[in-house]
Every structure is written in structure tokens, then in C-alpha cells.
């Protein structure tokens, strides 16, 4: 009886550990995918600013062909002549990543996205 309880407890612990690992891996993959999207947005913002002398809202970028991943949705977007902000959510995991770009940023690496669950 005691051995059966120990074995059952061990399997329950292994099941929870496996579930946690899968969840952490999914969140990590979501953050990486959102980070890639935000790098592309950074490039698109630079291109838009060169032409229009200001940054674009997400709707303006989308009208010019920018796309999100299939499970990504824009939460908030705003822009001005000197900065832009975009918040994107992964609908599968619930992870949200935000990024701001400034007038004098030279690359997307200067400002890392901030992600939260």
C-alpha cells in the first residue's frame, strides 16, 4: 500500500513537472516569436519615417503590408514624429510584448521588447 502511494505520488510529481516544462517552453517560444515580429516592425517604422517624416501607427503599417503572426494581435499602438509604441499579444499563450522605438535608435537591438504573461 505504501509503495503504491509513493509510486502514485512520484507519477503525479512527474506529470506536474512535465506540464510546467511545456508551459515554460510555450511562453519562451511566444516571446521569441513576438520579438521577431517587433524587429520587423522596427524596420518598417524606419522605412515609414524616412518617407513620411514621422512614425506610423499599426493601422498605417498594416495598410502598407505589415503582418503579424497567425496567433498575434495588436493590443495598443501609437506613434508621433519622434517615437512609436506597439503592444502585441500571443492569443495562444496570453504573453504580451511591448516595444518602443525612438527617433535616434539605430537598430532594433537598442530597445528590447518587454514581455509579460
PDB file of N, CA and C in Angstrom:
ATOM      1  N   UNK A   1       0.818  -1.190   0.000  1.00  0.00           N
ATOM      2  CA  UNK A   1       0.000   0.000   0.000  1.00  0.00           C
ATOM      3  C   UNK A   1       0.870   1.266   0.000  1.00  0.00           C
ATOM      4  N   UNK A   2       1.864   1.301   0.885  1.00  0.00           N
ATOM      5  CA  UNK A   2       2.760   2.455   0.970  1.00  0.00           C
ATOM      6  C   UNK A   2       3.537   2.609  -0.332  1.00  0.00           C
ATOM      7  N   UNK A   3       4.016   1.509  -0.875  1.00  0.00           N
ATOM      8  CA  UNK A   3       4.760   1.549  -2.138  1.00  0.00           C
ATOM      9  C   UNK A   3       3.886   2.091  -3.259  1.00  0.00           C
ATOM     10  N   UNK A   4       2.634   1.671  -3.303  1.00  0.00           N
ATOM     11  CA  UNK A   4       1.712   2.162  -4.326  1.00  0.00           C
ATOM     12  C   UNK A   4       1.494   3.664  -4.195  1.00  0.00           C
ATOM     13  N   UNK A   5       1.367   4.154  -2.969  1.00  0.00           N
ATOM     14  CA  UNK A   5       1.202   5.588  -2.737  1.00  0.00           C
ATOM     15  C   UNK A   5       2.439   6.368  -3.165  1.00  0.00           C
ATOM     16  N   UNK A   6       3.608   5.852  -2.865  1.00  0.00           N
ATOM     17  CA  UNK A   6       4.864   6.516  -3.253  1.00  0.00           C
ATOM     18  C   UNK A   6       4.980   6.553  -4.771  1.00  0.00           C
ATOM     19  N   UNK A   7       4.660   5.467  -5.412  1.00  0.00           N
ATOM     20  CA  UNK A   7       4.729   5.416  -6.876  1.00  0.00           C
ATOM     21  C   UNK A   7       3.708   6.379  -7.481  1.00  0.00           C
ATOM     22  N   UNK A   8       2.489   6.392  -6.979  1.00  0.00           N
ATOM     23  CA  UNK A   8       1.455   7.298  -7.489  1.00  0.00           C
ATOM     24  C   UNK A   8       1.876   8.754  -7.288  1.00  0.00           C
ATOM     25  N   UNK A   9       2.422   9.070  -6.110  1.00  0.00           N
ATOM     26  CA  UNK A   9       2.888  10.422  -5.820  1.00  0.00           C
ATOM     27  C   UNK A   9       4.007  10.822  -6.781  1.00  0.00           C
ATOM     28  N   UNK A  10       4.908   9.896  -7.066  1.00  0.00           N
ATOM     29  CA  UNK A  10       6.016  10.155  -7.997  1.00  0.00           C
ATOM     30  C   UNK A  10       5.473  10.457  -9.388  1.00  0.00           C
ATOM     31  N   UNK A  11       4.494   9.701  -9.850  1.00  0.00           N
ATOM     32  CA  UNK A  11       3.912   9.946 -11.173  1.00  0.00           C
ATOM     33  C   UNK A  11       3.190  11.296 -11.227  1.00  0.00           C
ATOM     34  N   UNK A  12       2.523  11.653 -10.157  1.00  0.00           N
ATOM     35  CA  UNK A  12       1.839  12.955 -10.112  1.00  0.00           C
ATOM     36  C   UNK A  12       2.876  14.079 -10.191  1.00  0.00           C
ATOM     37  N   UNK A  13       3.965  13.951  -9.443  1.00  0.00           N
ATOM     38  CA  UNK A  13       5.020  14.961  -9.488  1.00  0.00           C
ATOM     39  C   UNK A  13       5.641  15.054 -10.877  1.00  0.00           C
ATOM     40  N   UNK A  14       5.892  13.924 -11.509  1.00  0.00           N
ATOM     41  CA  UNK A  14       6.441  13.924 -12.865  1.00  0.00           C
ATOM     42  C   UNK A  14       5.467  14.575 -13.851  1.00  0.00           C
ATOM     43  N   UNK A  15       4.182  14.312 -13.684  1.00  0.00           N
ATOM     44  CA  UNK A  15       3.171  14.920 -14.554  1.00  0.00           C
ATOM     45  C   UNK A  15       3.146  16.435 -14.416  1.00  0.00           C
ATOM     46  N   UNK A  16       3.175  16.932 -13.175  1.00  0.00           N
ATOM     47  CA  UNK A  16       3.203  18.383 -12.954  1.00  0.00           C
ATOM     48  C   UNK A  16       4.487  19.006 -13.480  1.00  0.00           C
ATOM     49  N   UNK A  17       5.607  18.323 -13.296  1.00  0.00           N
ATOM     50  CA  UNK A  17       6.883  18.835 -13.814  1.00  0.00           C
ATOM     51  C   UNK A  17       6.870  18.926 -15.327  1.00  0.00           C
ATOM     52  N   UNK A  18       6.326  17.913 -15.965  1.00  0.00           N
ATOM     53  CA  UNK A  18       6.241  17.903 -17.426  1.00  0.00           C
ATOM     54  C   UNK A  18       5.324  19.020 -17.918  1.00  0.00           C
ATOM     55  N   UNK A  19       4.208  19.222 -17.251  1.00  0.00           N
ATOM     56  CA  UNK A  19       3.270  20.278 -17.623  1.00  0.00           C
ATOM     57  C   UNK A  19       3.925  21.653 -17.475  1.00  0.00           C
ATOM     58  N   UNK A  20       4.643  21.850 -16.380  1.00  0.00           N
ATOM     59  CA  UNK A  20       5.322  23.135 -16.156  1.00  0.00           C
ATOM     60  C   UNK A  20       6.378  23.371 -17.235  1.00  0.00           C
ATOM     61  N   UNK A  21       7.145  22.353 -17.584  1.00  0.00           N
ATOM     62  CA  UNK A  21       8.166  22.485 -18.616  1.00  0.00           C
ATOM     63  C   UNK A  21       7.542  22.866 -19.955  1.00  0.00           C
ATOM     64  N   UNK A  22       6.426  22.226 -20.289  1.00  0.00           N
ATOM     65  CA  UNK A  22       5.729  22.524 -21.545  1.00  0.00           C
ATOM     66  C   UNK A  22       5.224  23.960 -21.550  1.00  0.00           C
ATOM     67  N   UNK A  23       4.687  24.424 -20.432  1.00  0.00           N
ATOM     68  CA  UNK A  23       4.185  25.793 -20.328  1.00  0.00           C
ATOM     69  C   UNK A  23       5.319  26.793 -20.469  1.00  0.00           C
ATOM     70  N   UNK A  24       6.411  26.569 -19.772  1.00  0.00           N
ATOM     71  CA  UNK A  24       7.557  27.481 -19.836  1.00  0.00           C
ATOM     72  C   UNK A  24       8.121  27.524 -21.254  1.00  0.00           C
ATOM     73  N   UNK A  25       8.213  26.379 -21.893  1.00  0.00           N
ATOM     74  CA  UNK A  25       8.712  26.322 -23.269  1.00  0.00           C
ATOM     75  C   UNK A  25       7.778  27.077 -24.217  1.00  0.00           C
ATOM     76  N   UNK A  26       6.465  26.938 -24.035  1.00  0.00           N
ATOM     77  CA  UNK A  26       5.496  27.648 -24.867  1.00  0.00           C
ATOM     78  C   UNK A  26       5.605  29.153 -24.705  1.00  0.00           C
ATOM     79  N   UNK A  27       5.774  29.608 -23.470  1.00  0.00           N
ATOM     80  CA  UNK A  27       5.925  31.040 -23.205  1.00  0.00           C
ATOM     81  C   UNK A  27       7.214  31.545 -23.843  1.00  0.00           C
ATOM     82  N   UNK A  28       8.264  30.779 -23.720  1.00  0.00           N
ATOM     83  CA  UNK A  28       9.552  31.156 -24.324  1.00  0.00           C
ATOM     84  C   UNK A  28       9.439  31.280 -25.841  1.00  0.00           C
ATOM     85  N   UNK A  29       8.764  30.334 -26.455  1.00  0.00           N
ATOM     86  CA  UNK A  29       8.582  30.375 -27.905  1.00  0.00           C
ATOM     87  C   UNK A  29       7.707  31.561 -28.314  1.00  0.00           C
ATOM     88  N   UNK A  30       6.697  31.872 -27.521  1.00  0.00           N
ATOM     89  CA  UNK A  30       5.843  33.029 -27.805  1.00  0.00           C
ATOM     90  C   UNK A  30       6.646  34.322 -27.732  1.00  0.00           C
ATOM     91  N   UNK A  31       7.472  34.455 -26.694  1.00  0.00           N
ATOM     92  CA  UNK A  31       8.292  35.657 -26.552  1.00  0.00           C
ATOM     93  C   UNK A  31       9.252  35.807 -27.729  1.00  0.00           C
ATOM     94  N   UNK A  32       9.820  34.699 -28.175  1.00  0.00           N
ATOM     95  CA  UNK A  32      10.736  34.749 -29.319  1.00  0.00           C
ATOM     96  C   UNK A  32       9.987  35.164 -30.593  1.00  0.00           C
ATOM     97  N   UNK A  33       8.802  34.613 -30.807  1.00  0.00           N
ATOM     98  CA  UNK A  33       8.016  34.962 -31.999  1.00  0.00           C
ATOM     99  C   UNK A  33       7.582  36.427 -31.959  1.00  0.00           C
ATOM    100  N   UNK A  34       7.136  36.892 -30.804  1.00  0.00           N
ATOM    101  CA  UNK A  34       6.739  38.288 -30.668  1.00  0.00           C
ATOM    102  C   UNK A  34       7.940  39.210 -30.853  1.00  0.00           C
ATOM    103  N   UNK A  35       9.094  38.793 -30.331  1.00  0.00           N
ATOM    104  CA  UNK A  35      10.322  39.579 -30.520  1.00  0.00           C
ATOM    105  C   UNK A  35      10.686  39.709 -31.987  1.00  0.00           C
ATOM    106  N   UNK A  36      10.542  38.632 -32.745  1.00  0.00           N
ATOM    107  CA  UNK A  36      10.808  38.677 -34.195  1.00  0.00           C
ATOM    108  C   UNK A  36       9.848  39.633 -34.894  1.00  0.00           C
ATOM    109  N   UNK A  37       8.588  39.572 -34.528  1.00  0.00           N
ATOM    110  CA  UNK A  37       7.597  40.476 -35.112  1.00  0.00           C
ATOM    111  C   UNK A  37       7.966  41.922 -34.822  1.00  0.00           C
ATOM    112  N   UNK A  38       8.364  42.201 -33.593  1.00  0.00           N
ATOM    113  CA  UNK A  38       8.692  43.579 -33.221  1.00  0.00           C
ATOM    114  C   UNK A  38       9.963  44.071 -33.911  1.00  0.00           C
ATOM    115  N   UNK A  39      10.894  43.176 -34.221  1.00  0.00           N
ATOM    116  CA  UNK A  39      12.074  43.572 -35.003  1.00  0.00           C
ATOM    117  C   UNK A  39      11.671  44.007 -36.410  1.00  0.00           C
ATOM    118  N   UNK A  40      10.751  43.257 -37.007  1.00  0.00           N
ATOM    119  CA  UNK A  40      10.250  43.609 -38.340  1.00  0.00           C
ATOM    120  C   UNK A  40       9.528  44.949 -38.281  1.00  0.00           C
ATOM    121  N   UNK A  41       8.739  45.156 -37.231  1.00  0.00           N
ATOM    122  CA  UNK A  41       8.030  46.427 -37.077  1.00  0.00           C
ATOM    123  C   UNK A  41       9.039  47.572 -36.963  1.00  0.00           C
ATOM    124  N   UNK A  42      10.119  47.351 -36.236  1.00  0.00           N
ATOM    125  CA  UNK A  42      11.153  48.389 -36.097  1.00  0.00           C
ATOM    126  C   UNK A  42      11.692  48.788 -37.468  1.00  0.00           C
ATOM    127  N   UNK A  43      11.985  47.799 -38.303  1.00  0.00           N
ATOM    128  CA  UNK A  43      12.482  48.077 -39.652  1.00  0.00           C
ATOM    129  C   UNK A  43      11.438  48.838 -40.459  1.00  0.00           C
ATOM    130  N   UNK A  44      10.188  48.376 -40.397  1.00  0.00           N
ATOM    131  CA  UNK A  44       9.108  49.035 -41.132  1.00  0.00           C
ATOM    132  C   UNK A  44       8.911  50.475 -40.660  1.00  0.00           C
ATOM    133  N   UNK A  45       9.057  50.688 -39.356  1.00  0.00           N
ATOM    134  CA  UNK A  45       8.908  52.042 -38.816  1.00  0.00           C
ATOM    135  C   UNK A  45       9.989  52.964 -39.377  1.00  0.00           C
ATOM    136  N   UNK A  46      11.209  52.465 -39.468  1.00  0.00           N
ATOM    137  CA  UNK A  46      12.297  53.260 -40.040  1.00  0.00           C
ATOM    138  C   UNK A  46      12.027  53.638 -41.487  1.00  0.00           C
ATOM    139  N   UNK A  47      11.533  52.669 -42.254  1.00  0.00           N
ATOM    140  CA  UNK A  47      11.207  52.927 -43.655  1.00  0.00           C
ATOM    141  C   UNK A  47      10.080  53.963 -43.770  1.00  0.00           C
ATOM    142  N   UNK A  48       9.049  53.807 -42.944  1.00  0.00           N
ATOM    143  CA  UNK A  48       7.917  54.727 -42.981  1.00  0.00           C
ATOM    144  C   UNK A  48       8.376  56.138 -42.613  1.00  0.00           C
ATOM    145  N   UNK A  49       9.232  56.236 -41.595  1.00  0.00           N
ATOM    146  CA  UNK A  49       9.685  57.550 -41.140  1.00  0.00           C
ATOM    147  C   UNK A  49      10.528  58.261 -42.200  1.00  0.00           C
ATOM    148  N   UNK A  50      11.326  57.517 -42.929  1.00  0.00           N
ATOM    149  CA  UNK A  50      12.154  58.127 -43.989  1.00  0.00           C
ATOM    150  C   UNK A  50      11.259  58.800 -45.038  1.00  0.00           C
ATOM    151  N   UNK A  51      10.135  58.193 -45.336  1.00  0.00           N
ATOM    152  CA  UNK A  51       9.235  58.716 -46.364  1.00  0.00           C
ATOM    153  C   UNK A  51       8.325  59.814 -45.811  1.00  0.00           C
ATOM    154  N   UNK A  52       7.781  59.615 -44.619  1.00  0.00           N
ATOM    155  CA  UNK A  52       6.738  60.492 -44.091  1.00  0.00           C
ATOM    156  C   UNK A  52       7.174  61.456 -42.988  1.00  0.00           C
ATOM    157  N   UNK A  53       8.429  61.383 -42.572  1.00  0.00           N
ATOM    158  CA  UNK A  53       8.952  62.256 -41.523  1.00  0.00           C
ATOM    159  C   UNK A  53       8.239  62.108 -40.178  1.00  0.00           C
ATOM    160  N   UNK A  54       7.668  60.931 -39.948  1.00  0.00           N
ATOM    161  CA  UNK A  54       7.046  60.600 -38.663  1.00  0.00           C
ATOM    162  C   UNK A  54       6.914  59.086 -38.599  1.00  0.00           C
ATOM    163  N   UNK A  55       6.633  58.572 -37.417  1.00  0.00           N
ATOM    164  CA  UNK A  55       6.412  57.140 -37.270  1.00  0.00           C
ATOM    165  C   UNK A  55       4.953  56.805 -37.551  1.00  0.00           C
ATOM    166  N   UNK A  56       4.691  55.525 -37.776  1.00  0.00           N
ATOM    167  CA  UNK A  56       3.348  55.070 -38.164  1.00  0.00           C
ATOM    168  C   UNK A  56       2.637  54.367 -37.014  1.00  0.00           C
ATOM    169  N   UNK A  57       1.318  54.440 -37.035  1.00  0.00           N
ATOM    170  CA  UNK A  57       0.520  53.592 -36.150  1.00  0.00           C
ATOM    171  C   UNK A  57       0.495  52.196 -36.772  1.00  0.00           C
ATOM    172  N   UNK A  58       0.026  51.214 -36.018  1.00  0.00           N
ATOM    173  CA  UNK A  58      -0.040  49.866 -36.571  1.00  0.00           C
ATOM    174  C   UNK A  58      -0.941  49.831 -37.799  1.00  0.00           C
ATOM    175  N   UNK A  59      -2.068  50.519 -37.770  1.00  0.00           N
ATOM    176  CA  UNK A  59      -3.000  50.516 -38.910  1.00  0.00           C
ATOM    177  C   UNK A  59      -2.314  51.018 -40.182  1.00  0.00           C
ATOM    178  N   UNK A  60      -1.468  52.033 -40.048  1.00  0.00           N
ATOM    179  CA  UNK A  60      -0.760  52.551 -41.222  1.00  0.00           C
ATOM    180  C   UNK A  60       0.258  51.535 -41.746  1.00  0.00           C
ATOM    181  N   UNK A  61       0.952  50.857 -40.827  1.00  0.00           N
ATOM    182  CA  UNK A  61       1.904  49.818 -41.256  1.00  0.00           C
ATOM    183  C   UNK A  61       1.165  48.652 -41.902  1.00  0.00           C
ATOM    184  N   UNK A  62       0.059  48.278 -41.315  1.00  0.00           N
ATOM    185  CA  UNK A  62      -0.742  47.175 -41.849  1.00  0.00           C
ATOM    186  C   UNK A  62      -1.254  47.516 -43.251  1.00  0.00           C
ATOM    187  N   UNK A  63      -1.654  48.760 -43.454  1.00  0.00           N
ATOM    188  CA  UNK A  63      -2.128  49.192 -44.772  1.00  0.00           C
ATOM    189  C   UNK A  63      -1.010  49.110 -45.810  1.00  0.00           C
ATOM    190  N   UNK A  64       0.230  49.151 -45.362  1.00  0.00           N
ATOM    191  CA  UNK A  64       1.383  49.049 -46.265  1.00  0.00           C
ATOM    192  C   UNK A  64       1.938  47.626 -46.334  1.00  0.00           C
ATOM    193  N   UNK A  65       1.182  46.658 -45.827  1.00  0.00           N
ATOM    194  CA  UNK A  65       1.565  45.261 -45.991  1.00  0.00           C
ATOM    195  C   UNK A  65       2.195  44.585 -44.794  1.00  0.00           C
ATOM    196  N   UNK A  66       2.370  45.267 -43.672  1.00  0.00           N
ATOM    197  CA  UNK A  66       2.938  44.624 -42.477  1.00  0.00           C
ATOM    198  C   UNK A  66       1.926  43.621 -41.926  1.00  0.00           C
ATOM    199  N   UNK A  67       2.425  42.500 -41.450  1.00  0.00           N
ATOM    200  CA  UNK A  67       1.544  41.459 -40.924  1.00  0.00           C
ATOM    201  C   UNK A  67       2.085  40.937 -39.605  1.00  0.00           C
ATOM    202  N   UNK A  68       1.166  40.445 -38.790  1.00  0.00           N
ATOM    203  CA  UNK A  68       1.513  39.773 -37.543  1.00  0.00           C
ATOM    204  C   UNK A  68       1.460  38.273 -37.775  1.00  0.00           C
ATOM    205  N   UNK A  69       1.996  37.526 -36.819  1.00  0.00           N
ATOM    206  CA  UNK A  69       1.877  36.079 -36.879  1.00  0.00           C
ATOM    207  C   UNK A  69       0.419  35.666 -36.744  1.00  0.00           C
ATOM    208  N   UNK A  70       0.084  34.436 -37.110  1.00  0.00           N
ATOM    209  CA  UNK A  70      -1.318  33.998 -37.116  1.00  0.00           C
ATOM    210  C   UNK A  70      -1.990  34.037 -35.748  1.00  0.00           C
ATOM    211  N   UNK A  71      -1.229  33.929 -34.665  1.00  0.00           N
ATOM    212  CA  UNK A  71      -1.821  33.942 -33.326  1.00  0.00           C
ATOM    213  C   UNK A  71      -1.483  35.225 -32.571  1.00  0.00           C
ATOM    214  N   UNK A  72      -1.103  36.264 -33.294  1.00  0.00           N
ATOM    215  CA  UNK A  72      -0.730  37.526 -32.669  1.00  0.00           C
ATOM    216  C   UNK A  72      -1.767  38.600 -32.963  1.00  0.00           C
ATOM    217  N   UNK A  73      -2.041  39.429 -31.963  1.00  0.00           N
ATOM    218  CA  UNK A  73      -2.988  40.528 -32.104  1.00  0.00           C
ATOM    219  C   UNK A  73      -2.394  41.787 -31.475  1.00  0.00           C
ATOM    220  N   UNK A  74      -2.666  42.938 -32.087  1.00  0.00           N
ATOM    221  CA  UNK A  74      -2.216  44.215 -31.530  1.00  0.00           C
ATOM    222  C   UNK A  74      -3.114  44.583 -30.362  1.00  0.00           C
ATOM    223  N   UNK A  75      -2.490  44.946 -29.241  1.00  0.00           N
ATOM    224  CA  UNK A  75      -3.225  45.399 -28.066  1.00  0.00           C
ATOM    225  C   UNK A  75      -3.335  46.923 -28.108  1.00  0.00           C
ATOM    226  N   UNK A  76      -2.189  47.598 -28.294  1.00  0.00           N
ATOM    227  CA  UNK A  76      -2.141  49.056 -28.335  1.00  0.00           C
ATOM    228  C   UNK A  76      -1.075  49.483 -29.330  1.00  0.00           C
ATOM    229  N   UNK A  77      -1.354  50.564 -30.032  1.00  0.00           N
ATOM    230  CA  UNK A  77      -0.377  51.131 -30.950  1.00  0.00           C
ATOM    231  C   UNK A  77      -0.525  52.643 -30.932  1.00  0.00           C
ATOM    232  N   UNK A  78       0.602  53.342 -30.852  1.00  0.00           N
ATOM    233  CA  UNK A  78       0.558  54.781 -31.048  1.00  0.00           C
ATOM    234  C   UNK A  78       1.877  55.242 -31.633  1.00  0.00           C
ATOM    235  N   UNK A  79       1.857  56.434 -32.198  1.00  0.00           N
ATOM    236  CA  UNK A  79       3.053  56.956 -32.850  1.00  0.00           C
ATOM    237  C   UNK A  79       3.005  58.475 -32.875  1.00  0.00           C
ATOM    238  N   UNK A  80       4.188  59.053 -32.934  1.00  0.00           N
ATOM    239  CA  UNK A  80       4.321  60.505 -33.056  1.00  0.00           C
ATOM    240  C   UNK A  80       5.511  60.763 -33.981  1.00  0.00           C
ATOM    241  N   UNK A  81       5.857  61.996 -34.221  1.00  0.00           N
ATOM    242  CA  UNK A  81       7.036  62.257 -35.058  1.00  0.00           C
ATOM    243  C   UNK A  81       8.336  61.714 -34.461  1.00  0.00           C
ATOM    244  N   UNK A  82       8.402  61.540 -33.135  1.00  0.00           N
ATOM    245  CA  UNK A  82       9.672  61.144 -32.523  1.00  0.00           C
ATOM    246  C   UNK A  82       9.690  59.769 -31.864  1.00  0.00           C
ATOM    247  N   UNK A  83       8.557  59.098 -31.727  1.00  0.00           N
ATOM    248  CA  UNK A  83       8.571  57.755 -31.141  1.00  0.00           C
ATOM    249  C   UNK A  83       7.366  56.942 -31.609  1.00  0.00           C
ATOM    250  N   UNK A  84       7.469  55.633 -31.377  1.00  0.00           N
ATOM    251  CA  UNK A  84       6.342  54.736 -31.628  1.00  0.00           C
ATOM    252  C   UNK A  84       6.269  53.725 -30.502  1.00  0.00           C
ATOM    253  N   UNK A  85       5.093  53.160 -30.302  1.00  0.00           N
ATOM    254  CA  UNK A  85       4.862  52.144 -29.278  1.00  0.00           C
ATOM    255  C   UNK A  85       3.924  51.104 -29.861  1.00  0.00           C
ATOM    256  N   UNK A  86       4.257  49.836 -29.629  1.00  0.00           N
ATOM    257  CA  UNK A  86       3.390  48.754 -30.090  1.00  0.00           C
ATOM    258  C   UNK A  86       3.365  47.668 -29.024  1.00  0.00           C
ATOM    259  N   UNK A  87       2.179  47.214 -28.701  1.00  0.00           N
ATOM    260  CA  UNK A  87       1.972  46.122 -27.759  1.00  0.00           C
ATOM    261  C   UNK A  87       1.262  45.010 -28.515  1.00  0.00           C
ATOM    262  N   UNK A  88       1.853  43.807 -28.512  1.00  0.00           N
ATOM    263  CA  UNK A  88       1.314  42.671 -29.268  1.00  0.00           C
ATOM    264  C   UNK A  88       1.100  41.493 -28.318  1.00  0.00           C
ATOM    265  N   UNK A  89      -0.023  40.798 -28.490  1.00  0.00           N
ATOM    266  CA  UNK A  89      -0.391  39.663 -27.630  1.00  0.00           C
ATOM    267  C   UNK A  89      -0.409  38.376 -28.439  1.00  0.00           C
ATOM    268  N   UNK A  90       0.129  37.324 -27.860  1.00  0.00           N
ATOM    269  CA  UNK A  90       0.023  35.985 -28.429  1.00  0.00           C
ATOM    270  C   UNK A  90      -1.256  35.382 -27.866  1.00  0.00           C
ATOM    271  N   UNK A  91      -2.234  35.109 -28.719  1.00  0.00           N
ATOM    272  CA  UNK A  91      -3.536  34.634 -28.257  1.00  0.00           C
ATOM    273  C   UNK A  91      -3.492  33.216 -27.704  1.00  0.00           C
ATOM    274  N   UNK A  92      -2.492  32.450 -28.073  1.00  0.00           N
ATOM    275  CA  UNK A  92      -2.390  31.066 -27.605  1.00  0.00           C
ATOM    276  C   UNK A  92      -1.894  30.995 -26.169  1.00  0.00           C
ATOM    277  N   UNK A  93      -0.876  31.791 -25.842  1.00  0.00           N
ATOM    278  CA  UNK A  93      -0.278  31.720 -24.502  1.00  0.00           C
ATOM    279  C   UNK A  93      -0.664  32.899 -23.612  1.00  0.00           C
ATOM    280  N   UNK A  94      -1.172  33.976 -24.202  1.00  0.00           N
ATOM    281  CA  UNK A  94      -1.513  35.154 -23.413  1.00  0.00           C
ATOM    282  C   UNK A  94      -0.338  36.082 -23.151  1.00  0.00           C
ATOM    283  N   UNK A  95       0.822  35.754 -23.683  1.00  0.00           N
ATOM    284  CA  UNK A  95       2.006  36.600 -23.493  1.00  0.00           C
ATOM    285  C   UNK A  95       1.826  37.901 -24.275  1.00  0.00           C
ATOM    286  N   UNK A  96       2.172  39.021 -23.631  1.00  0.00           N
ATOM    287  CA  UNK A  96       2.108  40.333 -24.277  1.00  0.00           C
ATOM    288  C   UNK A  96       3.512  40.931 -24.262  1.00  0.00           C
ATOM    289  N   UNK A  97       3.954  41.410 -25.419  1.00  0.00           N
ATOM    290  CA  UNK A  97       5.252  42.079 -25.514  1.00  0.00           C
ATOM    291  C   UNK A  97       5.028  43.501 -26.023  1.00  0.00           C
ATOM    292  N   UNK A  98       5.722  44.448 -25.393  1.00  0.00           N
ATOM    293  CA  UNK A  98       5.650  45.861 -25.761  1.00  0.00           C
ATOM    294  C   UNK A  98       7.016  46.304 -26.250  1.00  0.00           C
ATOM    295  N   UNK A  99       7.009  47.222 -27.184  1.00  0.00           N
ATOM    296  CA  UNK A  99       8.263  47.825 -27.623  1.00  0.00           C
ATOM    297  C   UNK A  99       8.039  49.279 -27.993  1.00  0.00           C
ATOM    298  N   UNK A 100       9.030  50.084 -27.667  1.00  0.00           N
ATOM    299  CA  UNK A 100       9.040  51.494 -28.024  1.00  0.00           C
ATOM    300  C   UNK A 100      10.222  51.735 -28.934  1.00  0.00           C
ATOM    301  N   UNK A 101      10.035  52.556 -29.918  1.00  0.00           N
ATOM    302  CA  UNK A 101      11.129  52.979 -30.783  1.00  0.00           C
ATOM    303  C   UNK A 101      11.255  54.487 -30.710  1.00  0.00           C
ATOM    304  N   UNK A 102      12.471  54.968 -30.752  1.00  0.00           N
ATOM    305  CA  UNK A 102      12.722  56.401 -30.647  1.00  0.00           C
ATOM    306  C   UNK A 102      13.388  56.914 -31.915  1.00  0.00           C
ATOM    307  N   UNK A 103      13.395  58.187 -32.056  1.00  0.00           N
ATOM    308  CA  UNK A 103      13.924  58.866 -33.228  1.00  0.00           C
ATOM    309  C   UNK A 103      15.372  58.480 -33.523  1.00  0.00           C
ATOM    310  N   UNK A 104      16.197  58.354 -32.501  1.00  0.00           N
ATOM    311  CA  UNK A 104      17.625  58.132 -32.718  1.00  0.00           C
ATOM    312  C   UNK A 104      18.066  56.676 -32.573  1.00  0.00           C
ATOM    313  N   UNK A 105      17.140  55.741 -32.530  1.00  0.00           N
ATOM    314  CA  UNK A 105      17.500  54.315 -32.489  1.00  0.00           C
ATOM    315  C   UNK A 105      18.172  53.935 -33.796  1.00  0.00           C
ATOM    316  N   UNK A 106      19.278  53.235 -33.687  1.00  0.00           N
ATOM    317  CA  UNK A 106      19.959  52.792 -34.899  1.00  0.00           C
ATOM    318  C   UNK A 106      19.557  51.378 -35.299  1.00  0.00           C
ATOM    319  N   UNK A 107      19.148  50.575 -34.321  1.00  0.00           N
ATOM    320  CA  UNK A 107      18.725  49.215 -34.647  1.00  0.00           C
ATOM    321  C   UNK A 107      17.671  48.755 -33.646  1.00  0.00           C
ATOM    322  N   UNK A 108      17.029  47.657 -33.968  1.00  0.00           N
ATOM    323  CA  UNK A 108      16.003  47.093 -33.083  1.00  0.00           C
ATOM    324  C   UNK A 108      16.614  46.568 -31.789  1.00  0.00           C
ATOM    325  N   UNK A 109      17.915  46.328 -31.793  1.00  0.00           N
ATOM    326  CA  UNK A 109      18.602  45.793 -30.619  1.00  0.00           C
ATOM    327  C   UNK A 109      18.758  46.822 -29.503  1.00  0.00           C
ATOM    328  N   UNK A 110      18.604  48.099 -29.821  1.00  0.00           N
ATOM    329  CA  UNK A 110      18.793  49.143 -28.808  1.00  0.00           C
ATOM    330  C   UNK A 110      17.732  49.106 -27.725  1.00  0.00           C
ATOM    331  N   UNK A 111      16.524  48.738 -28.089  1.00  0.00           N
ATOM    332  CA  UNK A 111      15.419  48.670 -27.130  1.00  0.00           C
ATOM    333  C   UNK A 111      14.777  47.297 -27.224  1.00  0.00           C
ATOM    334  N   UNK A 112      15.022  46.500 -26.226  1.00  0.00           N
ATOM    335  CA  UNK A 112      14.467  45.144 -26.206  1.00  0.00           C
ATOM    336  C   UNK A 112      12.979  45.201 -25.843  1.00  0.00           C
ATOM    337  N   UNK A 113      12.183  44.313 -26.421  1.00  0.00           N
ATOM    338  CA  UNK A 113      10.777  44.255 -26.039  1.00  0.00           C
ATOM    339  C   UNK A 113      10.647  43.816 -24.568  1.00  0.00           C
ATOM    340  N   UNK A 114       9.629  44.297 -23.919  1.00  0.00           N
ATOM    341  CA  UNK A 114       9.330  43.871 -22.541  1.00  0.00           C
ATOM    342  C   UNK A 114       8.109  42.969 -22.619  1.00  0.00           C
ATOM    343  N   UNK A 115       8.263  41.760 -22.109  1.00  0.00           N
ATOM    344  CA  UNK A 115       7.186  40.774 -22.203  1.00  0.00           C
ATOM    345  C   UNK A 115       6.663  40.419 -20.831  1.00  0.00           C
ATOM    346  N   UNK A 116       5.364  40.071 -20.802  1.00  0.00           N
ATOM    347  CA  UNK A 116       4.735  39.634 -19.562  1.00  0.00           C
ATOM    348  C   UNK A 116       3.657  38.600 -19.894  1.00  0.00           C
ATOM    349  N   UNK A 117       3.347  37.796 -18.898  1.00  0.00           N
ATOM    350  CA  UNK A 117       2.294  36.777 -19.093  1.00  0.00           C
ATOM    351  C   UNK A 117       0.957  37.313 -18.666  1.00  0.00           C
TER     352      UNK A 117
END
